[in-house]
Amino acid sequence: MELNESPNFAETLAREIKQPLEIGSNTSAAIRRIGVPPGWNLREYDDSKHLATPQRKTALVRLRTADDFIGYVKRHGSLTDSTIWCEANYPKGEVAFTSILNDNGENPEAAAWRDHRAYFQPEFSEEWRRWISGHKKAMTQIEFAAFLEENLKDVAGPSSDENLPTGAQMLEMALAFEATQDFRFKSAVRLSNGGVNLSFVQDDDDATLQRMQMFEKFAIGIPVFRNGDAYHVDARLRYRVRDSKLTFNYELVRFDKVLEAAANGVIATIREKTGNPFFFGDPFSS
């Protein structure tokens, strides 16, 4: 058949060819494009997985420590084509790092695939997780007493500028909570030293009066990240009366600033030891 015999040569040829036809394949990239009859859909096949070695590096790895993250970036990345990104939301207690080992460089005509990545999220300490989980959480007297006893070692004690309670005083307060758990709350008197005197009576005898002192402020000293340095965190103690029963909660004062200070130490270490371009933001936002 001559090419000029029909104006619809391509359609005629398609009808006559009954077998799949390879079209525009890239042998160097091991990509095959096959036209499949009868509708002639184009299908693409990647045979690169059958090669002896990959044609380029691709990976998504998660590292457990900052040292492992730094080591992986230095082993597989470069100072010109690798970037490090920090996503931080300190009020929500979130901080994480991503390195794109094959990121776009400074050359506008040399785009990269950006699919070789290393991810690192610092692990919070057990102490930090415990205190954060109880932040502003309402607890009964016995629940709060048990929490204080279990985590008493974290109480920092007095500081040079504030008369804060010691661990022993916090334990005494916890035991008093336990002793008065079945009593009815009667009244509260604020003291000049910043504390509060709470009065309790038995349900069947208002003449039986027990008092205890509650501290309105205390401080803890705990590491933010696992195996990290300890940080001073101030806390406020609050109580609420309902049906003559007390519930308690504590509020960690600006814990986001404490987390930010701890994260800044990790950030400084990563920037110094890798030397890669460093950005704050989402590396995959569109």
C-alpha atoms as a PDB file:
ATOM      1  CA  MET A   1       0.000   0.000   0.000  1.00  0.00           C
ATOM      2  CA  GLU A   2       1.358   3.402  -1.008  1.00  0.00           C
ATOM      3  CA  LEU A   3       1.355   6.235   1.496  1.00  0.00           C
ATOM      4  CA  ASN A   4      -0.704   8.462  -0.828  1.00  0.00           C
ATOM      5  CA  GLU A   5      -3.401   5.894  -1.513  1.00  0.00           C
ATOM      6  CA  SER A   6      -5.579   7.064   1.396  1.00  0.00           C
ATOM      7  CA  PRO A   7      -5.867  10.308   3.375  1.00  0.00           C
ATOM      8  CA  ASN A   8      -6.516   8.188   6.489  1.00  0.00           C
ATOM      9  CA  PHE A   9      -3.305   6.235   6.259  1.00  0.00           C
ATOM     10  CA  ALA A  10      -2.718   6.104  10.023  1.00  0.00           C
ATOM     11  CA  GLU A  11      -6.184   4.715  10.684  1.00  0.00           C
ATOM     12  CA  THR A  12      -5.797   2.128   7.922  1.00  0.00           C
ATOM     13  CA  LEU A  13      -2.413   1.049   9.269  1.00  0.00           C
ATOM     14  CA  ALA A  14      -3.818   0.722  12.787  1.00  0.00           C
ATOM     15  CA  ARG A  15      -6.581  -1.563  11.526  1.00  0.00           C
ATOM     16  CA  GLU A  16      -4.137  -3.808   9.709  1.00  0.00           C
ATOM     17  CA  ILE A  17      -1.642  -4.204  12.574  1.00  0.00           C
ATOM     18  CA  LYS A  18      -2.917  -6.839  14.965  1.00  0.00           C
ATOM     19  CA  GLN A  19       0.060  -7.115  17.344  1.00  0.00           C
ATOM     20  CA  PRO A  20       1.285  -4.685  20.033  1.00  0.00           C
ATOM     21  CA  LEU A  21       3.801  -2.220  18.671  1.00  0.00           C
ATOM     22  CA  GLU A  22       6.780  -0.735  20.540  1.00  0.00           C
ATOM     23  CA  ILE A  23       6.766   3.035  20.169  1.00  0.00           C
ATOM     24  CA  GLY A  24       9.341   5.593  21.270  1.00  0.00           C
ATOM     25  CA  SER A  25      11.070   3.452  23.888  1.00  0.00           C
ATOM     26  CA  ASN A  26      14.073   4.748  25.823  1.00  0.00           C
ATOM     27  CA  THR A  27      16.541   1.888  25.993  1.00  0.00           C
ATOM     28  CA  SER A  28      19.100   3.838  28.026  1.00  0.00           C
ATOM     29  CA  ALA A  29      16.523   4.381  30.778  1.00  0.00           C
ATOM     30  CA  ALA A  30      15.040   0.864  30.405  1.00  0.00           C
ATOM     31  CA  ILE A  31      11.626   2.360  29.633  1.00  0.00           C
ATOM     32  CA  ARG A  32       9.426   0.653  27.000  1.00  0.00           C
ATOM     33  CA  ARG A  33       6.305   2.239  25.502  1.00  0.00           C
ATOM     34  CA  ILE A  34       3.929  -0.210  23.861  1.00  0.00           C
ATOM     35  CA  GLY A  35       0.940   0.593  21.694  1.00  0.00           C
ATOM     36  CA  VAL A  36      -1.731  -2.031  22.318  1.00  0.00           C
ATOM     37  CA  PRO A  37      -4.553  -2.766  19.813  1.00  0.00           C
ATOM     38  CA  PRO A  38      -7.407  -2.672  19.075  1.00  0.00           C
ATOM     39  CA  GLY A  39      -7.978   0.764  20.670  1.00  0.00           C
ATOM     40  CA  TRP A  40      -4.237   1.489  20.629  1.00  0.00           C
ATOM     41  CA  ASN A  41      -3.753   2.520  24.212  1.00  0.00           C
ATOM     42  CA  LEU A  42      -0.196   3.500  25.060  1.00  0.00           C
ATOM     43  CA  ARG A  43       1.294   1.590  27.973  1.00  0.00           C
ATOM     44  CA  GLU A  44       4.631   2.251  29.628  1.00  0.00           C
ATOM     45  CA  TYR A  45       6.804  -0.390  31.262  1.00  0.00           C
ATOM     46  CA  ASP A  46       9.766   0.288  33.543  1.00  0.00           C
ATOM     47  CA  ASP A  47      12.311  -2.513  33.254  1.00  0.00           C
ATOM     48  CA  SER A  48      14.947  -0.710  35.320  1.00  0.00           C
ATOM     49  CA  LYS A  49      14.312  -3.076  38.230  1.00  0.00           C
ATOM     50  CA  HIS A  50      15.786  -5.875  36.117  1.00  0.00           C
ATOM     51  CA  LEU A  51      19.099  -4.063  35.618  1.00  0.00           C
ATOM     52  CA  ALA A  52      22.199  -5.211  37.480  1.00  0.00           C
ATOM     53  CA  THR A  53      22.278  -1.929  39.440  1.00  0.00           C
ATOM     54  CA  PRO A  54      19.859   1.039  39.827  1.00  0.00           C
ATOM     55  CA  GLN A  55      20.456   3.981  37.537  1.00  0.00           C
ATOM     56  CA  ARG A  56      20.304   6.439  40.457  1.00  0.00           C
ATOM     57  CA  LYS A  57      19.810   6.513  44.214  1.00  0.00           C
ATOM     58  CA  THR A  58      16.273   6.638  45.615  1.00  0.00           C
ATOM     59  CA  ALA A  59      15.219   5.989  49.211  1.00  0.00           C
ATOM     60  CA  LEU A  60      13.001   7.077  52.088  1.00  0.00           C
ATOM     61  CA  VAL A  61      14.692   6.332  55.407  1.00  0.00           C
ATOM     62  CA  ARG A  62      13.823   7.205  58.999  1.00  0.00           C
ATOM     63  CA  LEU A  63      16.670   7.742  61.445  1.00  0.00           C
ATOM     64  CA  ARG A  64      16.458   7.311  65.217  1.00  0.00           C
ATOM     65  CA  THR A  65      19.062   9.827  66.431  1.00  0.00           C
ATOM     66  CA  ALA A  66      20.542  13.121  65.319  1.00  0.00           C
ATOM     67  CA  ASP A  67      23.943  11.450  64.869  1.00  0.00           C
ATOM     68  CA  ASP A  68      22.434   8.822  62.555  1.00  0.00           C
ATOM     69  CA  PHE A  69      20.629  11.529  60.573  1.00  0.00           C
ATOM     70  CA  ILE A  70      23.825  13.558  60.214  1.00  0.00           C
ATOM     71  CA  GLY A  71      25.824  10.455  59.262  1.00  0.00           C
ATOM     72  CA  TYR A  72      23.364   9.434  56.550  1.00  0.00           C
ATOM     73  CA  VAL A  73      23.243  12.939  55.046  1.00  0.00           C
ATOM     74  CA  LYS A  74      27.040  13.160  54.914  1.00  0.00           C
ATOM     75  CA  ARG A  75      27.365   9.646  53.454  1.00  0.00           C
ATOM     76  CA  HIS A  76      24.842  10.018  50.630  1.00  0.00           C
ATOM     77  CA  GLY A  77      24.428  13.755  50.081  1.00  0.00           C
ATOM     78  CA  SER A  78      26.492  16.636  48.790  1.00  0.00           C
ATOM     79  CA  LEU A  79      26.907  20.255  49.815  1.00  0.00           C
ATOM     80  CA  THR A  80      25.522  21.484  46.479  1.00  0.00           C
ATOM     81  CA  ASP A  81      22.552  19.178  45.835  1.00  0.00           C
ATOM     82  CA  SER A  82      21.283  18.257  49.318  1.00  0.00           C
ATOM     83  CA  THR A  83      19.073  20.347  51.584  1.00  0.00           C
ATOM     84  CA  ILE A  84      17.758  20.008  55.135  1.00  0.00           C
ATOM     85  CA  TRP A  85      14.311  21.188  56.218  1.00  0.00           C
ATOM     86  CA  CYS A  86      12.914  21.686  59.709  1.00  0.00           C
ATOM     87  CA  GLU A  87       9.159  21.580  60.349  1.00  0.00           C
ATOM     88  CA  ALA A  88       8.385  22.897  63.834  1.00  0.00           C
ATOM     89  CA  ASN A  89       5.137  23.726  65.609  1.00  0.00           C
ATOM     90  CA  TYR A  90       6.244  24.252  69.190  1.00  0.00           C
ATOM     91  CA  PRO A  91       2.812  25.002  70.722  1.00  0.00           C
ATOM     92  CA  LYS A  92       1.624  21.645  69.352  1.00  0.00           C
ATOM     93  CA  GLY A  93       4.805  19.909  70.528  1.00  0.00           C
ATOM     94  CA  GLU A  94       6.000  19.011  67.030  1.00  0.00           C
ATOM     95  CA  VAL A  95       9.497  19.129  65.517  1.00  0.00           C
ATOM     96  CA  ALA A  96      10.937  17.051  62.669  1.00  0.00           C
ATOM     97  CA  PHE A  97      13.723  17.169  60.087  1.00  0.00           C
ATOM     98  CA  THR A  98      13.811  16.073  56.445  1.00  0.00           C
ATOM     99  CA  SER A  99      16.847  15.938  54.200  1.00  0.00           C
ATOM    100  CA  ILE A 100      16.354  15.803  50.428  1.00  0.00           C
ATOM    101  CA  LEU A 101      19.578  14.241  49.173  1.00  0.00           C
ATOM    102  CA  ASN A 102      18.866  14.911  45.470  1.00  0.00           C
ATOM    103  CA  ASP A 103      17.226  18.322  45.735  1.00  0.00           C
ATOM    104  CA  ASN A 104      17.156  20.999  43.043  1.00  0.00           C
ATOM    105  CA  GLY A 105      20.391  22.941  43.075  1.00  0.00           C
ATOM    106  CA  GLU A 106      21.196  26.562  42.256  1.00  0.00           C
ATOM    107  CA  ASN A 107      21.372  25.890  38.514  1.00  0.00           C
ATOM    108  CA  PRO A 108      17.862  26.700  37.179  1.00  0.00           C
ATOM    109  CA  GLU A 109      18.350  24.350  34.233  1.00  0.00           C
ATOM    110  CA  ALA A 110      19.417  21.339  36.309  1.00  0.00           C
ATOM    111  CA  ALA A 111      16.271  20.010  37.971  1.00  0.00           C
ATOM    112  CA  ALA A 112      16.454  16.976  40.265  1.00  0.00           C
ATOM    113  CA  TRP A 113      14.012  14.228  41.200  1.00  0.00           C
ATOM    114  CA  ARG A 114      13.873  15.016  44.972  1.00  0.00           C
ATOM    115  CA  ASP A 115      13.032  11.402  45.807  1.00  0.00           C
ATOM    116  CA  HIS A 116      16.004  10.427  47.975  1.00  0.00           C
ATOM    117  CA  ARG A 117      15.011  11.511  51.484  1.00  0.00           C
ATOM    118  CA  ALA A 118      16.075  11.052  55.086  1.00  0.00           C
ATOM    119  CA  TYR A 119      13.657  11.773  57.929  1.00  0.00           C
ATOM    120  CA  PHE A 120      14.379  12.362  61.610  1.00  0.00           C
ATOM    121  CA  GLN A 121      11.982  13.169  64.448  1.00  0.00           C
ATOM    122  CA  PRO A 122      13.684  13.639  67.835  1.00  0.00           C
ATOM    123  CA  GLU A 123      12.352  11.209  70.431  1.00  0.00           C
ATOM    124  CA  PHE A 124      10.831  12.853  73.478  1.00  0.00           C
ATOM    125  CA  SER A 125      11.951  11.695  76.901  1.00  0.00           C
ATOM    126  CA  GLU A 126       9.632   9.622  79.061  1.00  0.00           C
ATOM    127  CA  GLU A 127       9.528  12.451  81.597  1.00  0.00           C
ATOM    128  CA  TRP A 128       8.479  14.975  78.966  1.00  0.00           C
ATOM    129  CA  ARG A 129       5.733  12.689  77.623  1.00  0.00           C
ATOM    130  CA  ARG A 130       4.324  12.123  81.121  1.00  0.00           C
ATOM    131  CA  TRP A 131       4.141  15.776  82.116  1.00  0.00           C
ATOM    132  CA  ILE A 132       2.862  16.928  78.717  1.00  0.00           C
ATOM    133  CA  SER A 133       0.128  14.264  78.742  1.00  0.00           C
ATOM    134  CA  GLY A 134      -1.135  15.623  82.092  1.00  0.00           C
ATOM    135  CA  HIS A 135      -0.997  19.299  81.051  1.00  0.00           C
ATOM    136  CA  LYS A 136      -4.375  20.920  81.983  1.00  0.00           C
ATOM    137  CA  LYS A 137      -5.909  17.484  82.591  1.00  0.00           C
ATOM    138  CA  ALA A 138      -8.462  17.377  85.431  1.00  0.00           C
ATOM    139  CA  MET A 139      -7.646  14.802  88.134  1.00  0.00           C
ATOM    140  CA  THR A 140      -9.295  13.751  91.360  1.00  0.00           C
ATOM    141  CA  GLN A 141      -7.416  14.157  94.622  1.00  0.00           C
ATOM    142  CA  ILE A 142      -6.273  10.546  94.604  1.00  0.00           C
ATOM    143  CA  GLU A 143      -5.313  10.649  90.908  1.00  0.00           C
ATOM    144  CA  PHE A 144      -3.251  13.778  91.366  1.00  0.00           C
ATOM    145  CA  ALA A 145      -1.609  12.418  94.502  1.00  0.00           C
ATOM    146  CA  ALA A 146      -0.631   9.228  92.659  1.00  0.00           C
ATOM    147  CA  PHE A 147       0.767  11.249  89.748  1.00  0.00           C
ATOM    148  CA  LEU A 148       2.881  13.399  92.081  1.00  0.00           C
ATOM    149  CA  GLU A 149       4.255  10.388  93.956  1.00  0.00           C
ATOM    150  CA  GLU A 150       5.168   8.603  90.727  1.00  0.00           C
ATOM    151  CA  ASN A 151       6.958  11.613  89.252  1.00  0.00           C
ATOM    152  CA  LEU A 152       8.301  13.206  92.416  1.00  0.00           C
ATOM    153  CA  LYS A 153      11.930  12.940  91.280  1.00  0.00           C
ATOM    154  CA  ASP A 154      11.203  15.514  88.556  1.00  0.00           C
ATOM    155  CA  VAL A 155      10.336  18.302  91.033  1.00  0.00           C
ATOM    156  CA  ALA A 156      13.078  20.922  90.790  1.00  0.00           C
ATOM    157  CA  GLY A 157      12.598  22.617  94.183  1.00  0.00           C
ATOM    158  CA  PRO A 158      13.248  26.255  95.188  1.00  0.00           C
ATOM    159  CA  SER A 159      15.073  28.627  92.858  1.00  0.00           C
ATOM    160  CA  SER A 160      17.108  31.730  93.639  1.00  0.00           C
ATOM    161  CA  ASP A 161      14.240  34.088  92.792  1.00  0.00           C
ATOM    162  CA  GLU A 162      11.166  32.071  93.834  1.00  0.00           C
ATOM    163  CA  ASN A 163      10.159  30.233  96.986  1.00  0.00           C
ATOM    164  CA  LEU A 164       8.998  27.060  95.275  1.00  0.00           C
ATOM    165  CA  PRO A 165       8.225  23.811  97.129  1.00  0.00           C
ATOM    166  CA  THR A 166      10.750  21.035  97.473  1.00  0.00           C
ATOM    167  CA  GLY A 167      10.101  17.451  96.464  1.00  0.00           C
ATOM    168  CA  ALA A 168       9.489  16.553 100.118  1.00  0.00           C
ATOM    169  CA  GLN A 169       6.876  19.312 100.440  1.00  0.00           C
ATOM    170  CA  MET A 170       5.142  18.162  97.263  1.00  0.00           C
ATOM    171  CA  LEU A 171       5.069  14.616  98.629  1.00  0.00           C
ATOM    172  CA  GLU A 172       3.554  15.869 101.891  1.00  0.00           C
ATOM    173  CA  MET A 173       0.873  17.661  99.885  1.00  0.00           C
ATOM    174  CA  ALA A 174       0.157  14.495  97.880  1.00  0.00           C
ATOM    175  CA  LEU A 175      -0.251  12.462 101.068  1.00  0.00           C
ATOM    176  CA  ALA A 176      -2.617  15.105 102.432  1.00  0.00           C
ATOM    177  CA  PHE A 177      -4.676  14.800  99.259  1.00  0.00           C
ATOM    178  CA  GLU A 178      -4.941  11.072  99.837  1.00  0.00           C
ATOM    179  CA  ALA A 179      -5.914  11.543 103.492  1.00  0.00           C
ATOM    180  CA  THR A 180      -8.752  13.944 102.656  1.00  0.00           C
ATOM    181  CA  GLN A 181     -10.100  12.242  99.537  1.00  0.00           C
ATOM    182  CA  ASP A 182     -13.292  11.133 101.329  1.00  0.00           C
ATOM    183  CA  PHE A 183     -13.826  14.493 103.055  1.00  0.00           C
ATOM    184  CA  ARG A 184     -16.034  17.335 101.918  1.00  0.00           C
ATOM    185  CA  PHE A 185     -14.342  20.561 100.839  1.00  0.00           C
ATOM    186  CA  LYS A 186     -15.360  23.520 103.006  1.00  0.00           C
ATOM    187  CA  SER A 187     -13.245  26.585 102.251  1.00  0.00           C
ATOM    188  CA  ALA A 188      -9.979  27.972 100.862  1.00  0.00           C
ATOM    189  CA  VAL A 189      -7.836  30.794 102.230  1.00  0.00           C
ATOM    190  CA  ARG A 190      -5.024  32.340 100.187  1.00  0.00           C
ATOM    191  CA  LEU A 191      -1.789  32.757 102.134  1.00  0.00           C
ATOM    192  CA  SER A 192       0.791  35.536 101.907  1.00  0.00           C
ATOM    193  CA  ASN A 193       3.484  33.083 100.773  1.00  0.00           C
ATOM    194  CA  GLY A 194       1.545  32.258  97.606  1.00  0.00           C
ATOM    195  CA  GLY A 195      -0.037  29.059  98.876  1.00  0.00           C
ATOM    196  CA  VAL A 196      -3.629  28.192  99.696  1.00  0.00           C
ATOM    197  CA  ASN A 197      -5.024  26.657 102.888  1.00  0.00           C
ATOM    198  CA  LEU A 198      -7.783  24.171 102.089  1.00  0.00           C
ATOM    199  CA  SER A 199     -10.267  23.102 104.752  1.00  0.00           C
ATOM    200  CA  PHE A 200     -12.127  19.762 104.740  1.00  0.00           C
ATOM    201  CA  VAL A 201     -14.803  18.277 106.971  1.00  0.00           C
ATOM    202  CA  GLN A 202     -16.381  14.869 107.259  1.00  0.00           C
ATOM    203  CA  ASP A 203     -19.858  14.624 105.789  1.00  0.00           C
ATOM    204  CA  ASP A 204     -21.468  13.710 109.106  1.00  0.00           C
ATOM    205  CA  ASP A 205     -19.501  16.047 111.369  1.00  0.00           C
ATOM    206  CA  ASP A 206     -18.783  19.649 110.372  1.00  0.00           C
ATOM    207  CA  ALA A 207     -16.928  20.113 113.634  1.00  0.00           C
ATOM    208  CA  THR A 208     -14.242  17.688 112.417  1.00  0.00           C
ATOM    209  CA  LEU A 209     -11.924  19.968 110.497  1.00  0.00           C
ATOM    210  CA  GLN A 210      -8.750  19.133 108.598  1.00  0.00           C
ATOM    211  CA  ARG A 211      -6.538  21.608 106.828  1.00  0.00           C
ATOM    212  CA  MET A 212      -3.828  21.248 104.267  1.00  0.00           C
ATOM    213  CA  GLN A 213      -1.677  23.667 102.322  1.00  0.00           C
ATOM    214  CA  MET A 214      -1.691  23.591  98.547  1.00  0.00           C
ATOM    215  CA  PHE A 215       1.131  25.188  96.575  1.00  0.00           C
ATOM    216  CA  GLU A 216      -0.012  27.253  93.621  1.00  0.00           C
ATOM    217  CA  LYS A 217       3.328  27.057  91.851  1.00  0.00           C
ATOM    218  CA  PHE A 218       6.066  24.495  91.522  1.00  0.00           C
ATOM    219  CA  ALA A 219       8.803  23.661  89.028  1.00  0.00           C
ATOM    220  CA  ILE A 220      10.161  20.554  87.371  1.00  0.00           C
ATOM    221  CA  GLY A 221      13.522  19.809  85.794  1.00  0.00           C
ATOM    222  CA  ILE A 222      13.279  17.264  82.984  1.00  0.00           C
ATOM    223  CA  PRO A 223      14.936  16.450  79.663  1.00  0.00           C
ATOM    224  CA  VAL A 224      12.865  17.319  76.609  1.00  0.00           C
ATOM    225  CA  PHE A 225      14.469  14.741  74.320  1.00  0.00           C
ATOM    226  CA  ARG A 226      15.659  11.266  75.171  1.00  0.00           C
ATOM    227  CA  ASN A 227      19.210  11.345  76.608  1.00  0.00           C
ATOM    228  CA  GLY A 228      19.158  15.151  76.325  1.00  0.00           C
ATOM    229  CA  ASP A 229      19.844  17.936  78.798  1.00  0.00           C
ATOM    230  CA  ALA A 230      17.336  18.776  81.535  1.00  0.00           C
ATOM    231  CA  TYR A 231      15.324  22.003  81.307  1.00  0.00           C
ATOM    232  CA  HIS A 232      13.549  24.039  83.978  1.00  0.00           C
ATOM    233  CA  VAL A 233       9.767  24.170  83.482  1.00  0.00           C
ATOM    234  CA  ASP A 234       7.466  26.245  85.692  1.00  0.00           C
ATOM    235  CA  ALA A 235       4.001  24.919  86.535  1.00  0.00           C
ATOM    236  CA  ARG A 236       0.829  26.368  88.019  1.00  0.00           C
ATOM    237  CA  LEU A 237      -1.442  24.239  90.183  1.00  0.00           C
ATOM    238  CA  ARG A 238      -5.176  24.832  89.948  1.00  0.00           C
ATOM    239  CA  TYR A 239      -8.209  23.396  91.736  1.00  0.00           C
ATOM    240  CA  ARG A 240     -11.940  23.367  91.075  1.00  0.00           C
ATOM    241  CA  VAL A 241     -14.816  22.633  93.443  1.00  0.00           C
ATOM    242  CA  ARG A 242     -17.869  20.708  92.320  1.00  0.00           C
ATOM    243  CA  ASP A 243     -20.412  19.168  94.658  1.00  0.00           C
ATOM    244  CA  SER A 244     -17.999  19.800  97.555  1.00  0.00           C
ATOM    245  CA  LYS A 245     -15.330  17.708  95.838  1.00  0.00           C
ATOM    246  CA  LEU A 246     -12.050  18.969  94.476  1.00  0.00           C
ATOM    247  CA  THR A 247     -10.398  18.289  91.144  1.00  0.00           C
ATOM    248  CA  PHE A 248      -6.888  19.426  90.321  1.00  0.00           C
ATOM    249  CA  ASN A 249      -4.858  20.186  87.239  1.00  0.00           C
ATOM    250  CA  TYR A 250      -1.484  21.691  86.512  1.00  0.00           C
ATOM    251  CA  GLU A 251      -0.455  23.953  83.658  1.00  0.00           C
ATOM    252  CA  LEU A 252       3.077  23.907  82.294  1.00  0.00           C
ATOM    253  CA  VAL A 253       3.978  27.560  81.745  1.00  0.00           C
ATOM    254  CA  ARG A 254       5.034  28.232  78.119  1.00  0.00           C
ATOM    255  CA  PHE A 255       6.299  24.707  77.544  1.00  0.00           C
ATOM    256  CA  ASP A 256       6.536  25.638  73.849  1.00  0.00           C
ATOM    257  CA  LYS A 257       9.475  27.913  74.688  1.00  0.00           C
ATOM    258  CA  VAL A 258      11.189  25.072  76.536  1.00  0.00           C
ATOM    259  CA  LEU A 259      10.695  22.793  73.527  1.00  0.00           C
ATOM    260  CA  GLU A 260      11.992  25.512  71.213  1.00  0.00           C
ATOM    261  CA  ALA A 261      15.142  25.931  73.315  1.00  0.00           C
ATOM    262  CA  ALA A 262      15.801  22.179  73.231  1.00  0.00           C
ATOM    263  CA  ALA A 263      15.102  22.012  69.473  1.00  0.00           C
ATOM    264  CA  ASN A 264      17.488  24.902  68.839  1.00  0.00           C
ATOM    265  CA  GLY A 265      20.271  22.788  70.282  1.00  0.00           C
ATOM    266  CA  VAL A 266      19.493  19.955  67.842  1.00  0.00           C
ATOM    267  CA  ILE A 267      19.181  22.419  64.956  1.00  0.00           C
ATOM    268  CA  ALA A 268      22.566  23.963  65.731  1.00  0.00           C
ATOM    269  CA  THR A 269      24.218  20.537  65.823  1.00  0.00           C
ATOM    270  CA  ILE A 270      22.700  19.428  62.496  1.00  0.00           C
ATOM    271  CA  ARG A 271      23.590  22.685  60.734  1.00  0.00           C
ATOM    272  CA  GLU A 272      27.136  22.689  62.039  1.00  0.00           C
ATOM    273  CA  LYS A 273      27.953  19.047  61.338  1.00  0.00           C
ATOM    274  CA  THR A 274      26.358  18.779  57.874  1.00  0.00           C
ATOM    275  CA  GLY A 275      26.999  22.210  56.364  1.00  0.00           C
ATOM    276  CA  ASN A 276      24.018  21.784  54.043  1.00  0.00           C
ATOM    277  CA  PRO A 277      21.561  24.559  53.116  1.00  0.00           C
ATOM    278  CA  PHE A 278      18.990  24.654  55.935  1.00  0.00           C
ATOM    279  CA  PHE A 279      15.379  25.823  55.700  1.00  0.00           C
ATOM    280  CA  PHE A 280      12.383  26.097  58.031  1.00  0.00           C
ATOM    281  CA  GLY A 281       9.217  24.917  56.313  1.00  0.00           C
ATOM    282  CA  ASP A 282       7.474  22.085  54.488  1.00  0.00           C
ATOM    283  CA  PRO A 283       9.731  20.660  51.736  1.00  0.00           C
ATOM    284  CA  PHE A 284       6.799  19.097  49.865  1.00  0.00           C
ATOM    285  CA  SER A 285       4.209  21.865  49.969  1.00  0.00           C
ATOM    286  CA  SER A 286       2.779  22.838  46.597  1.00  0.00           C
END
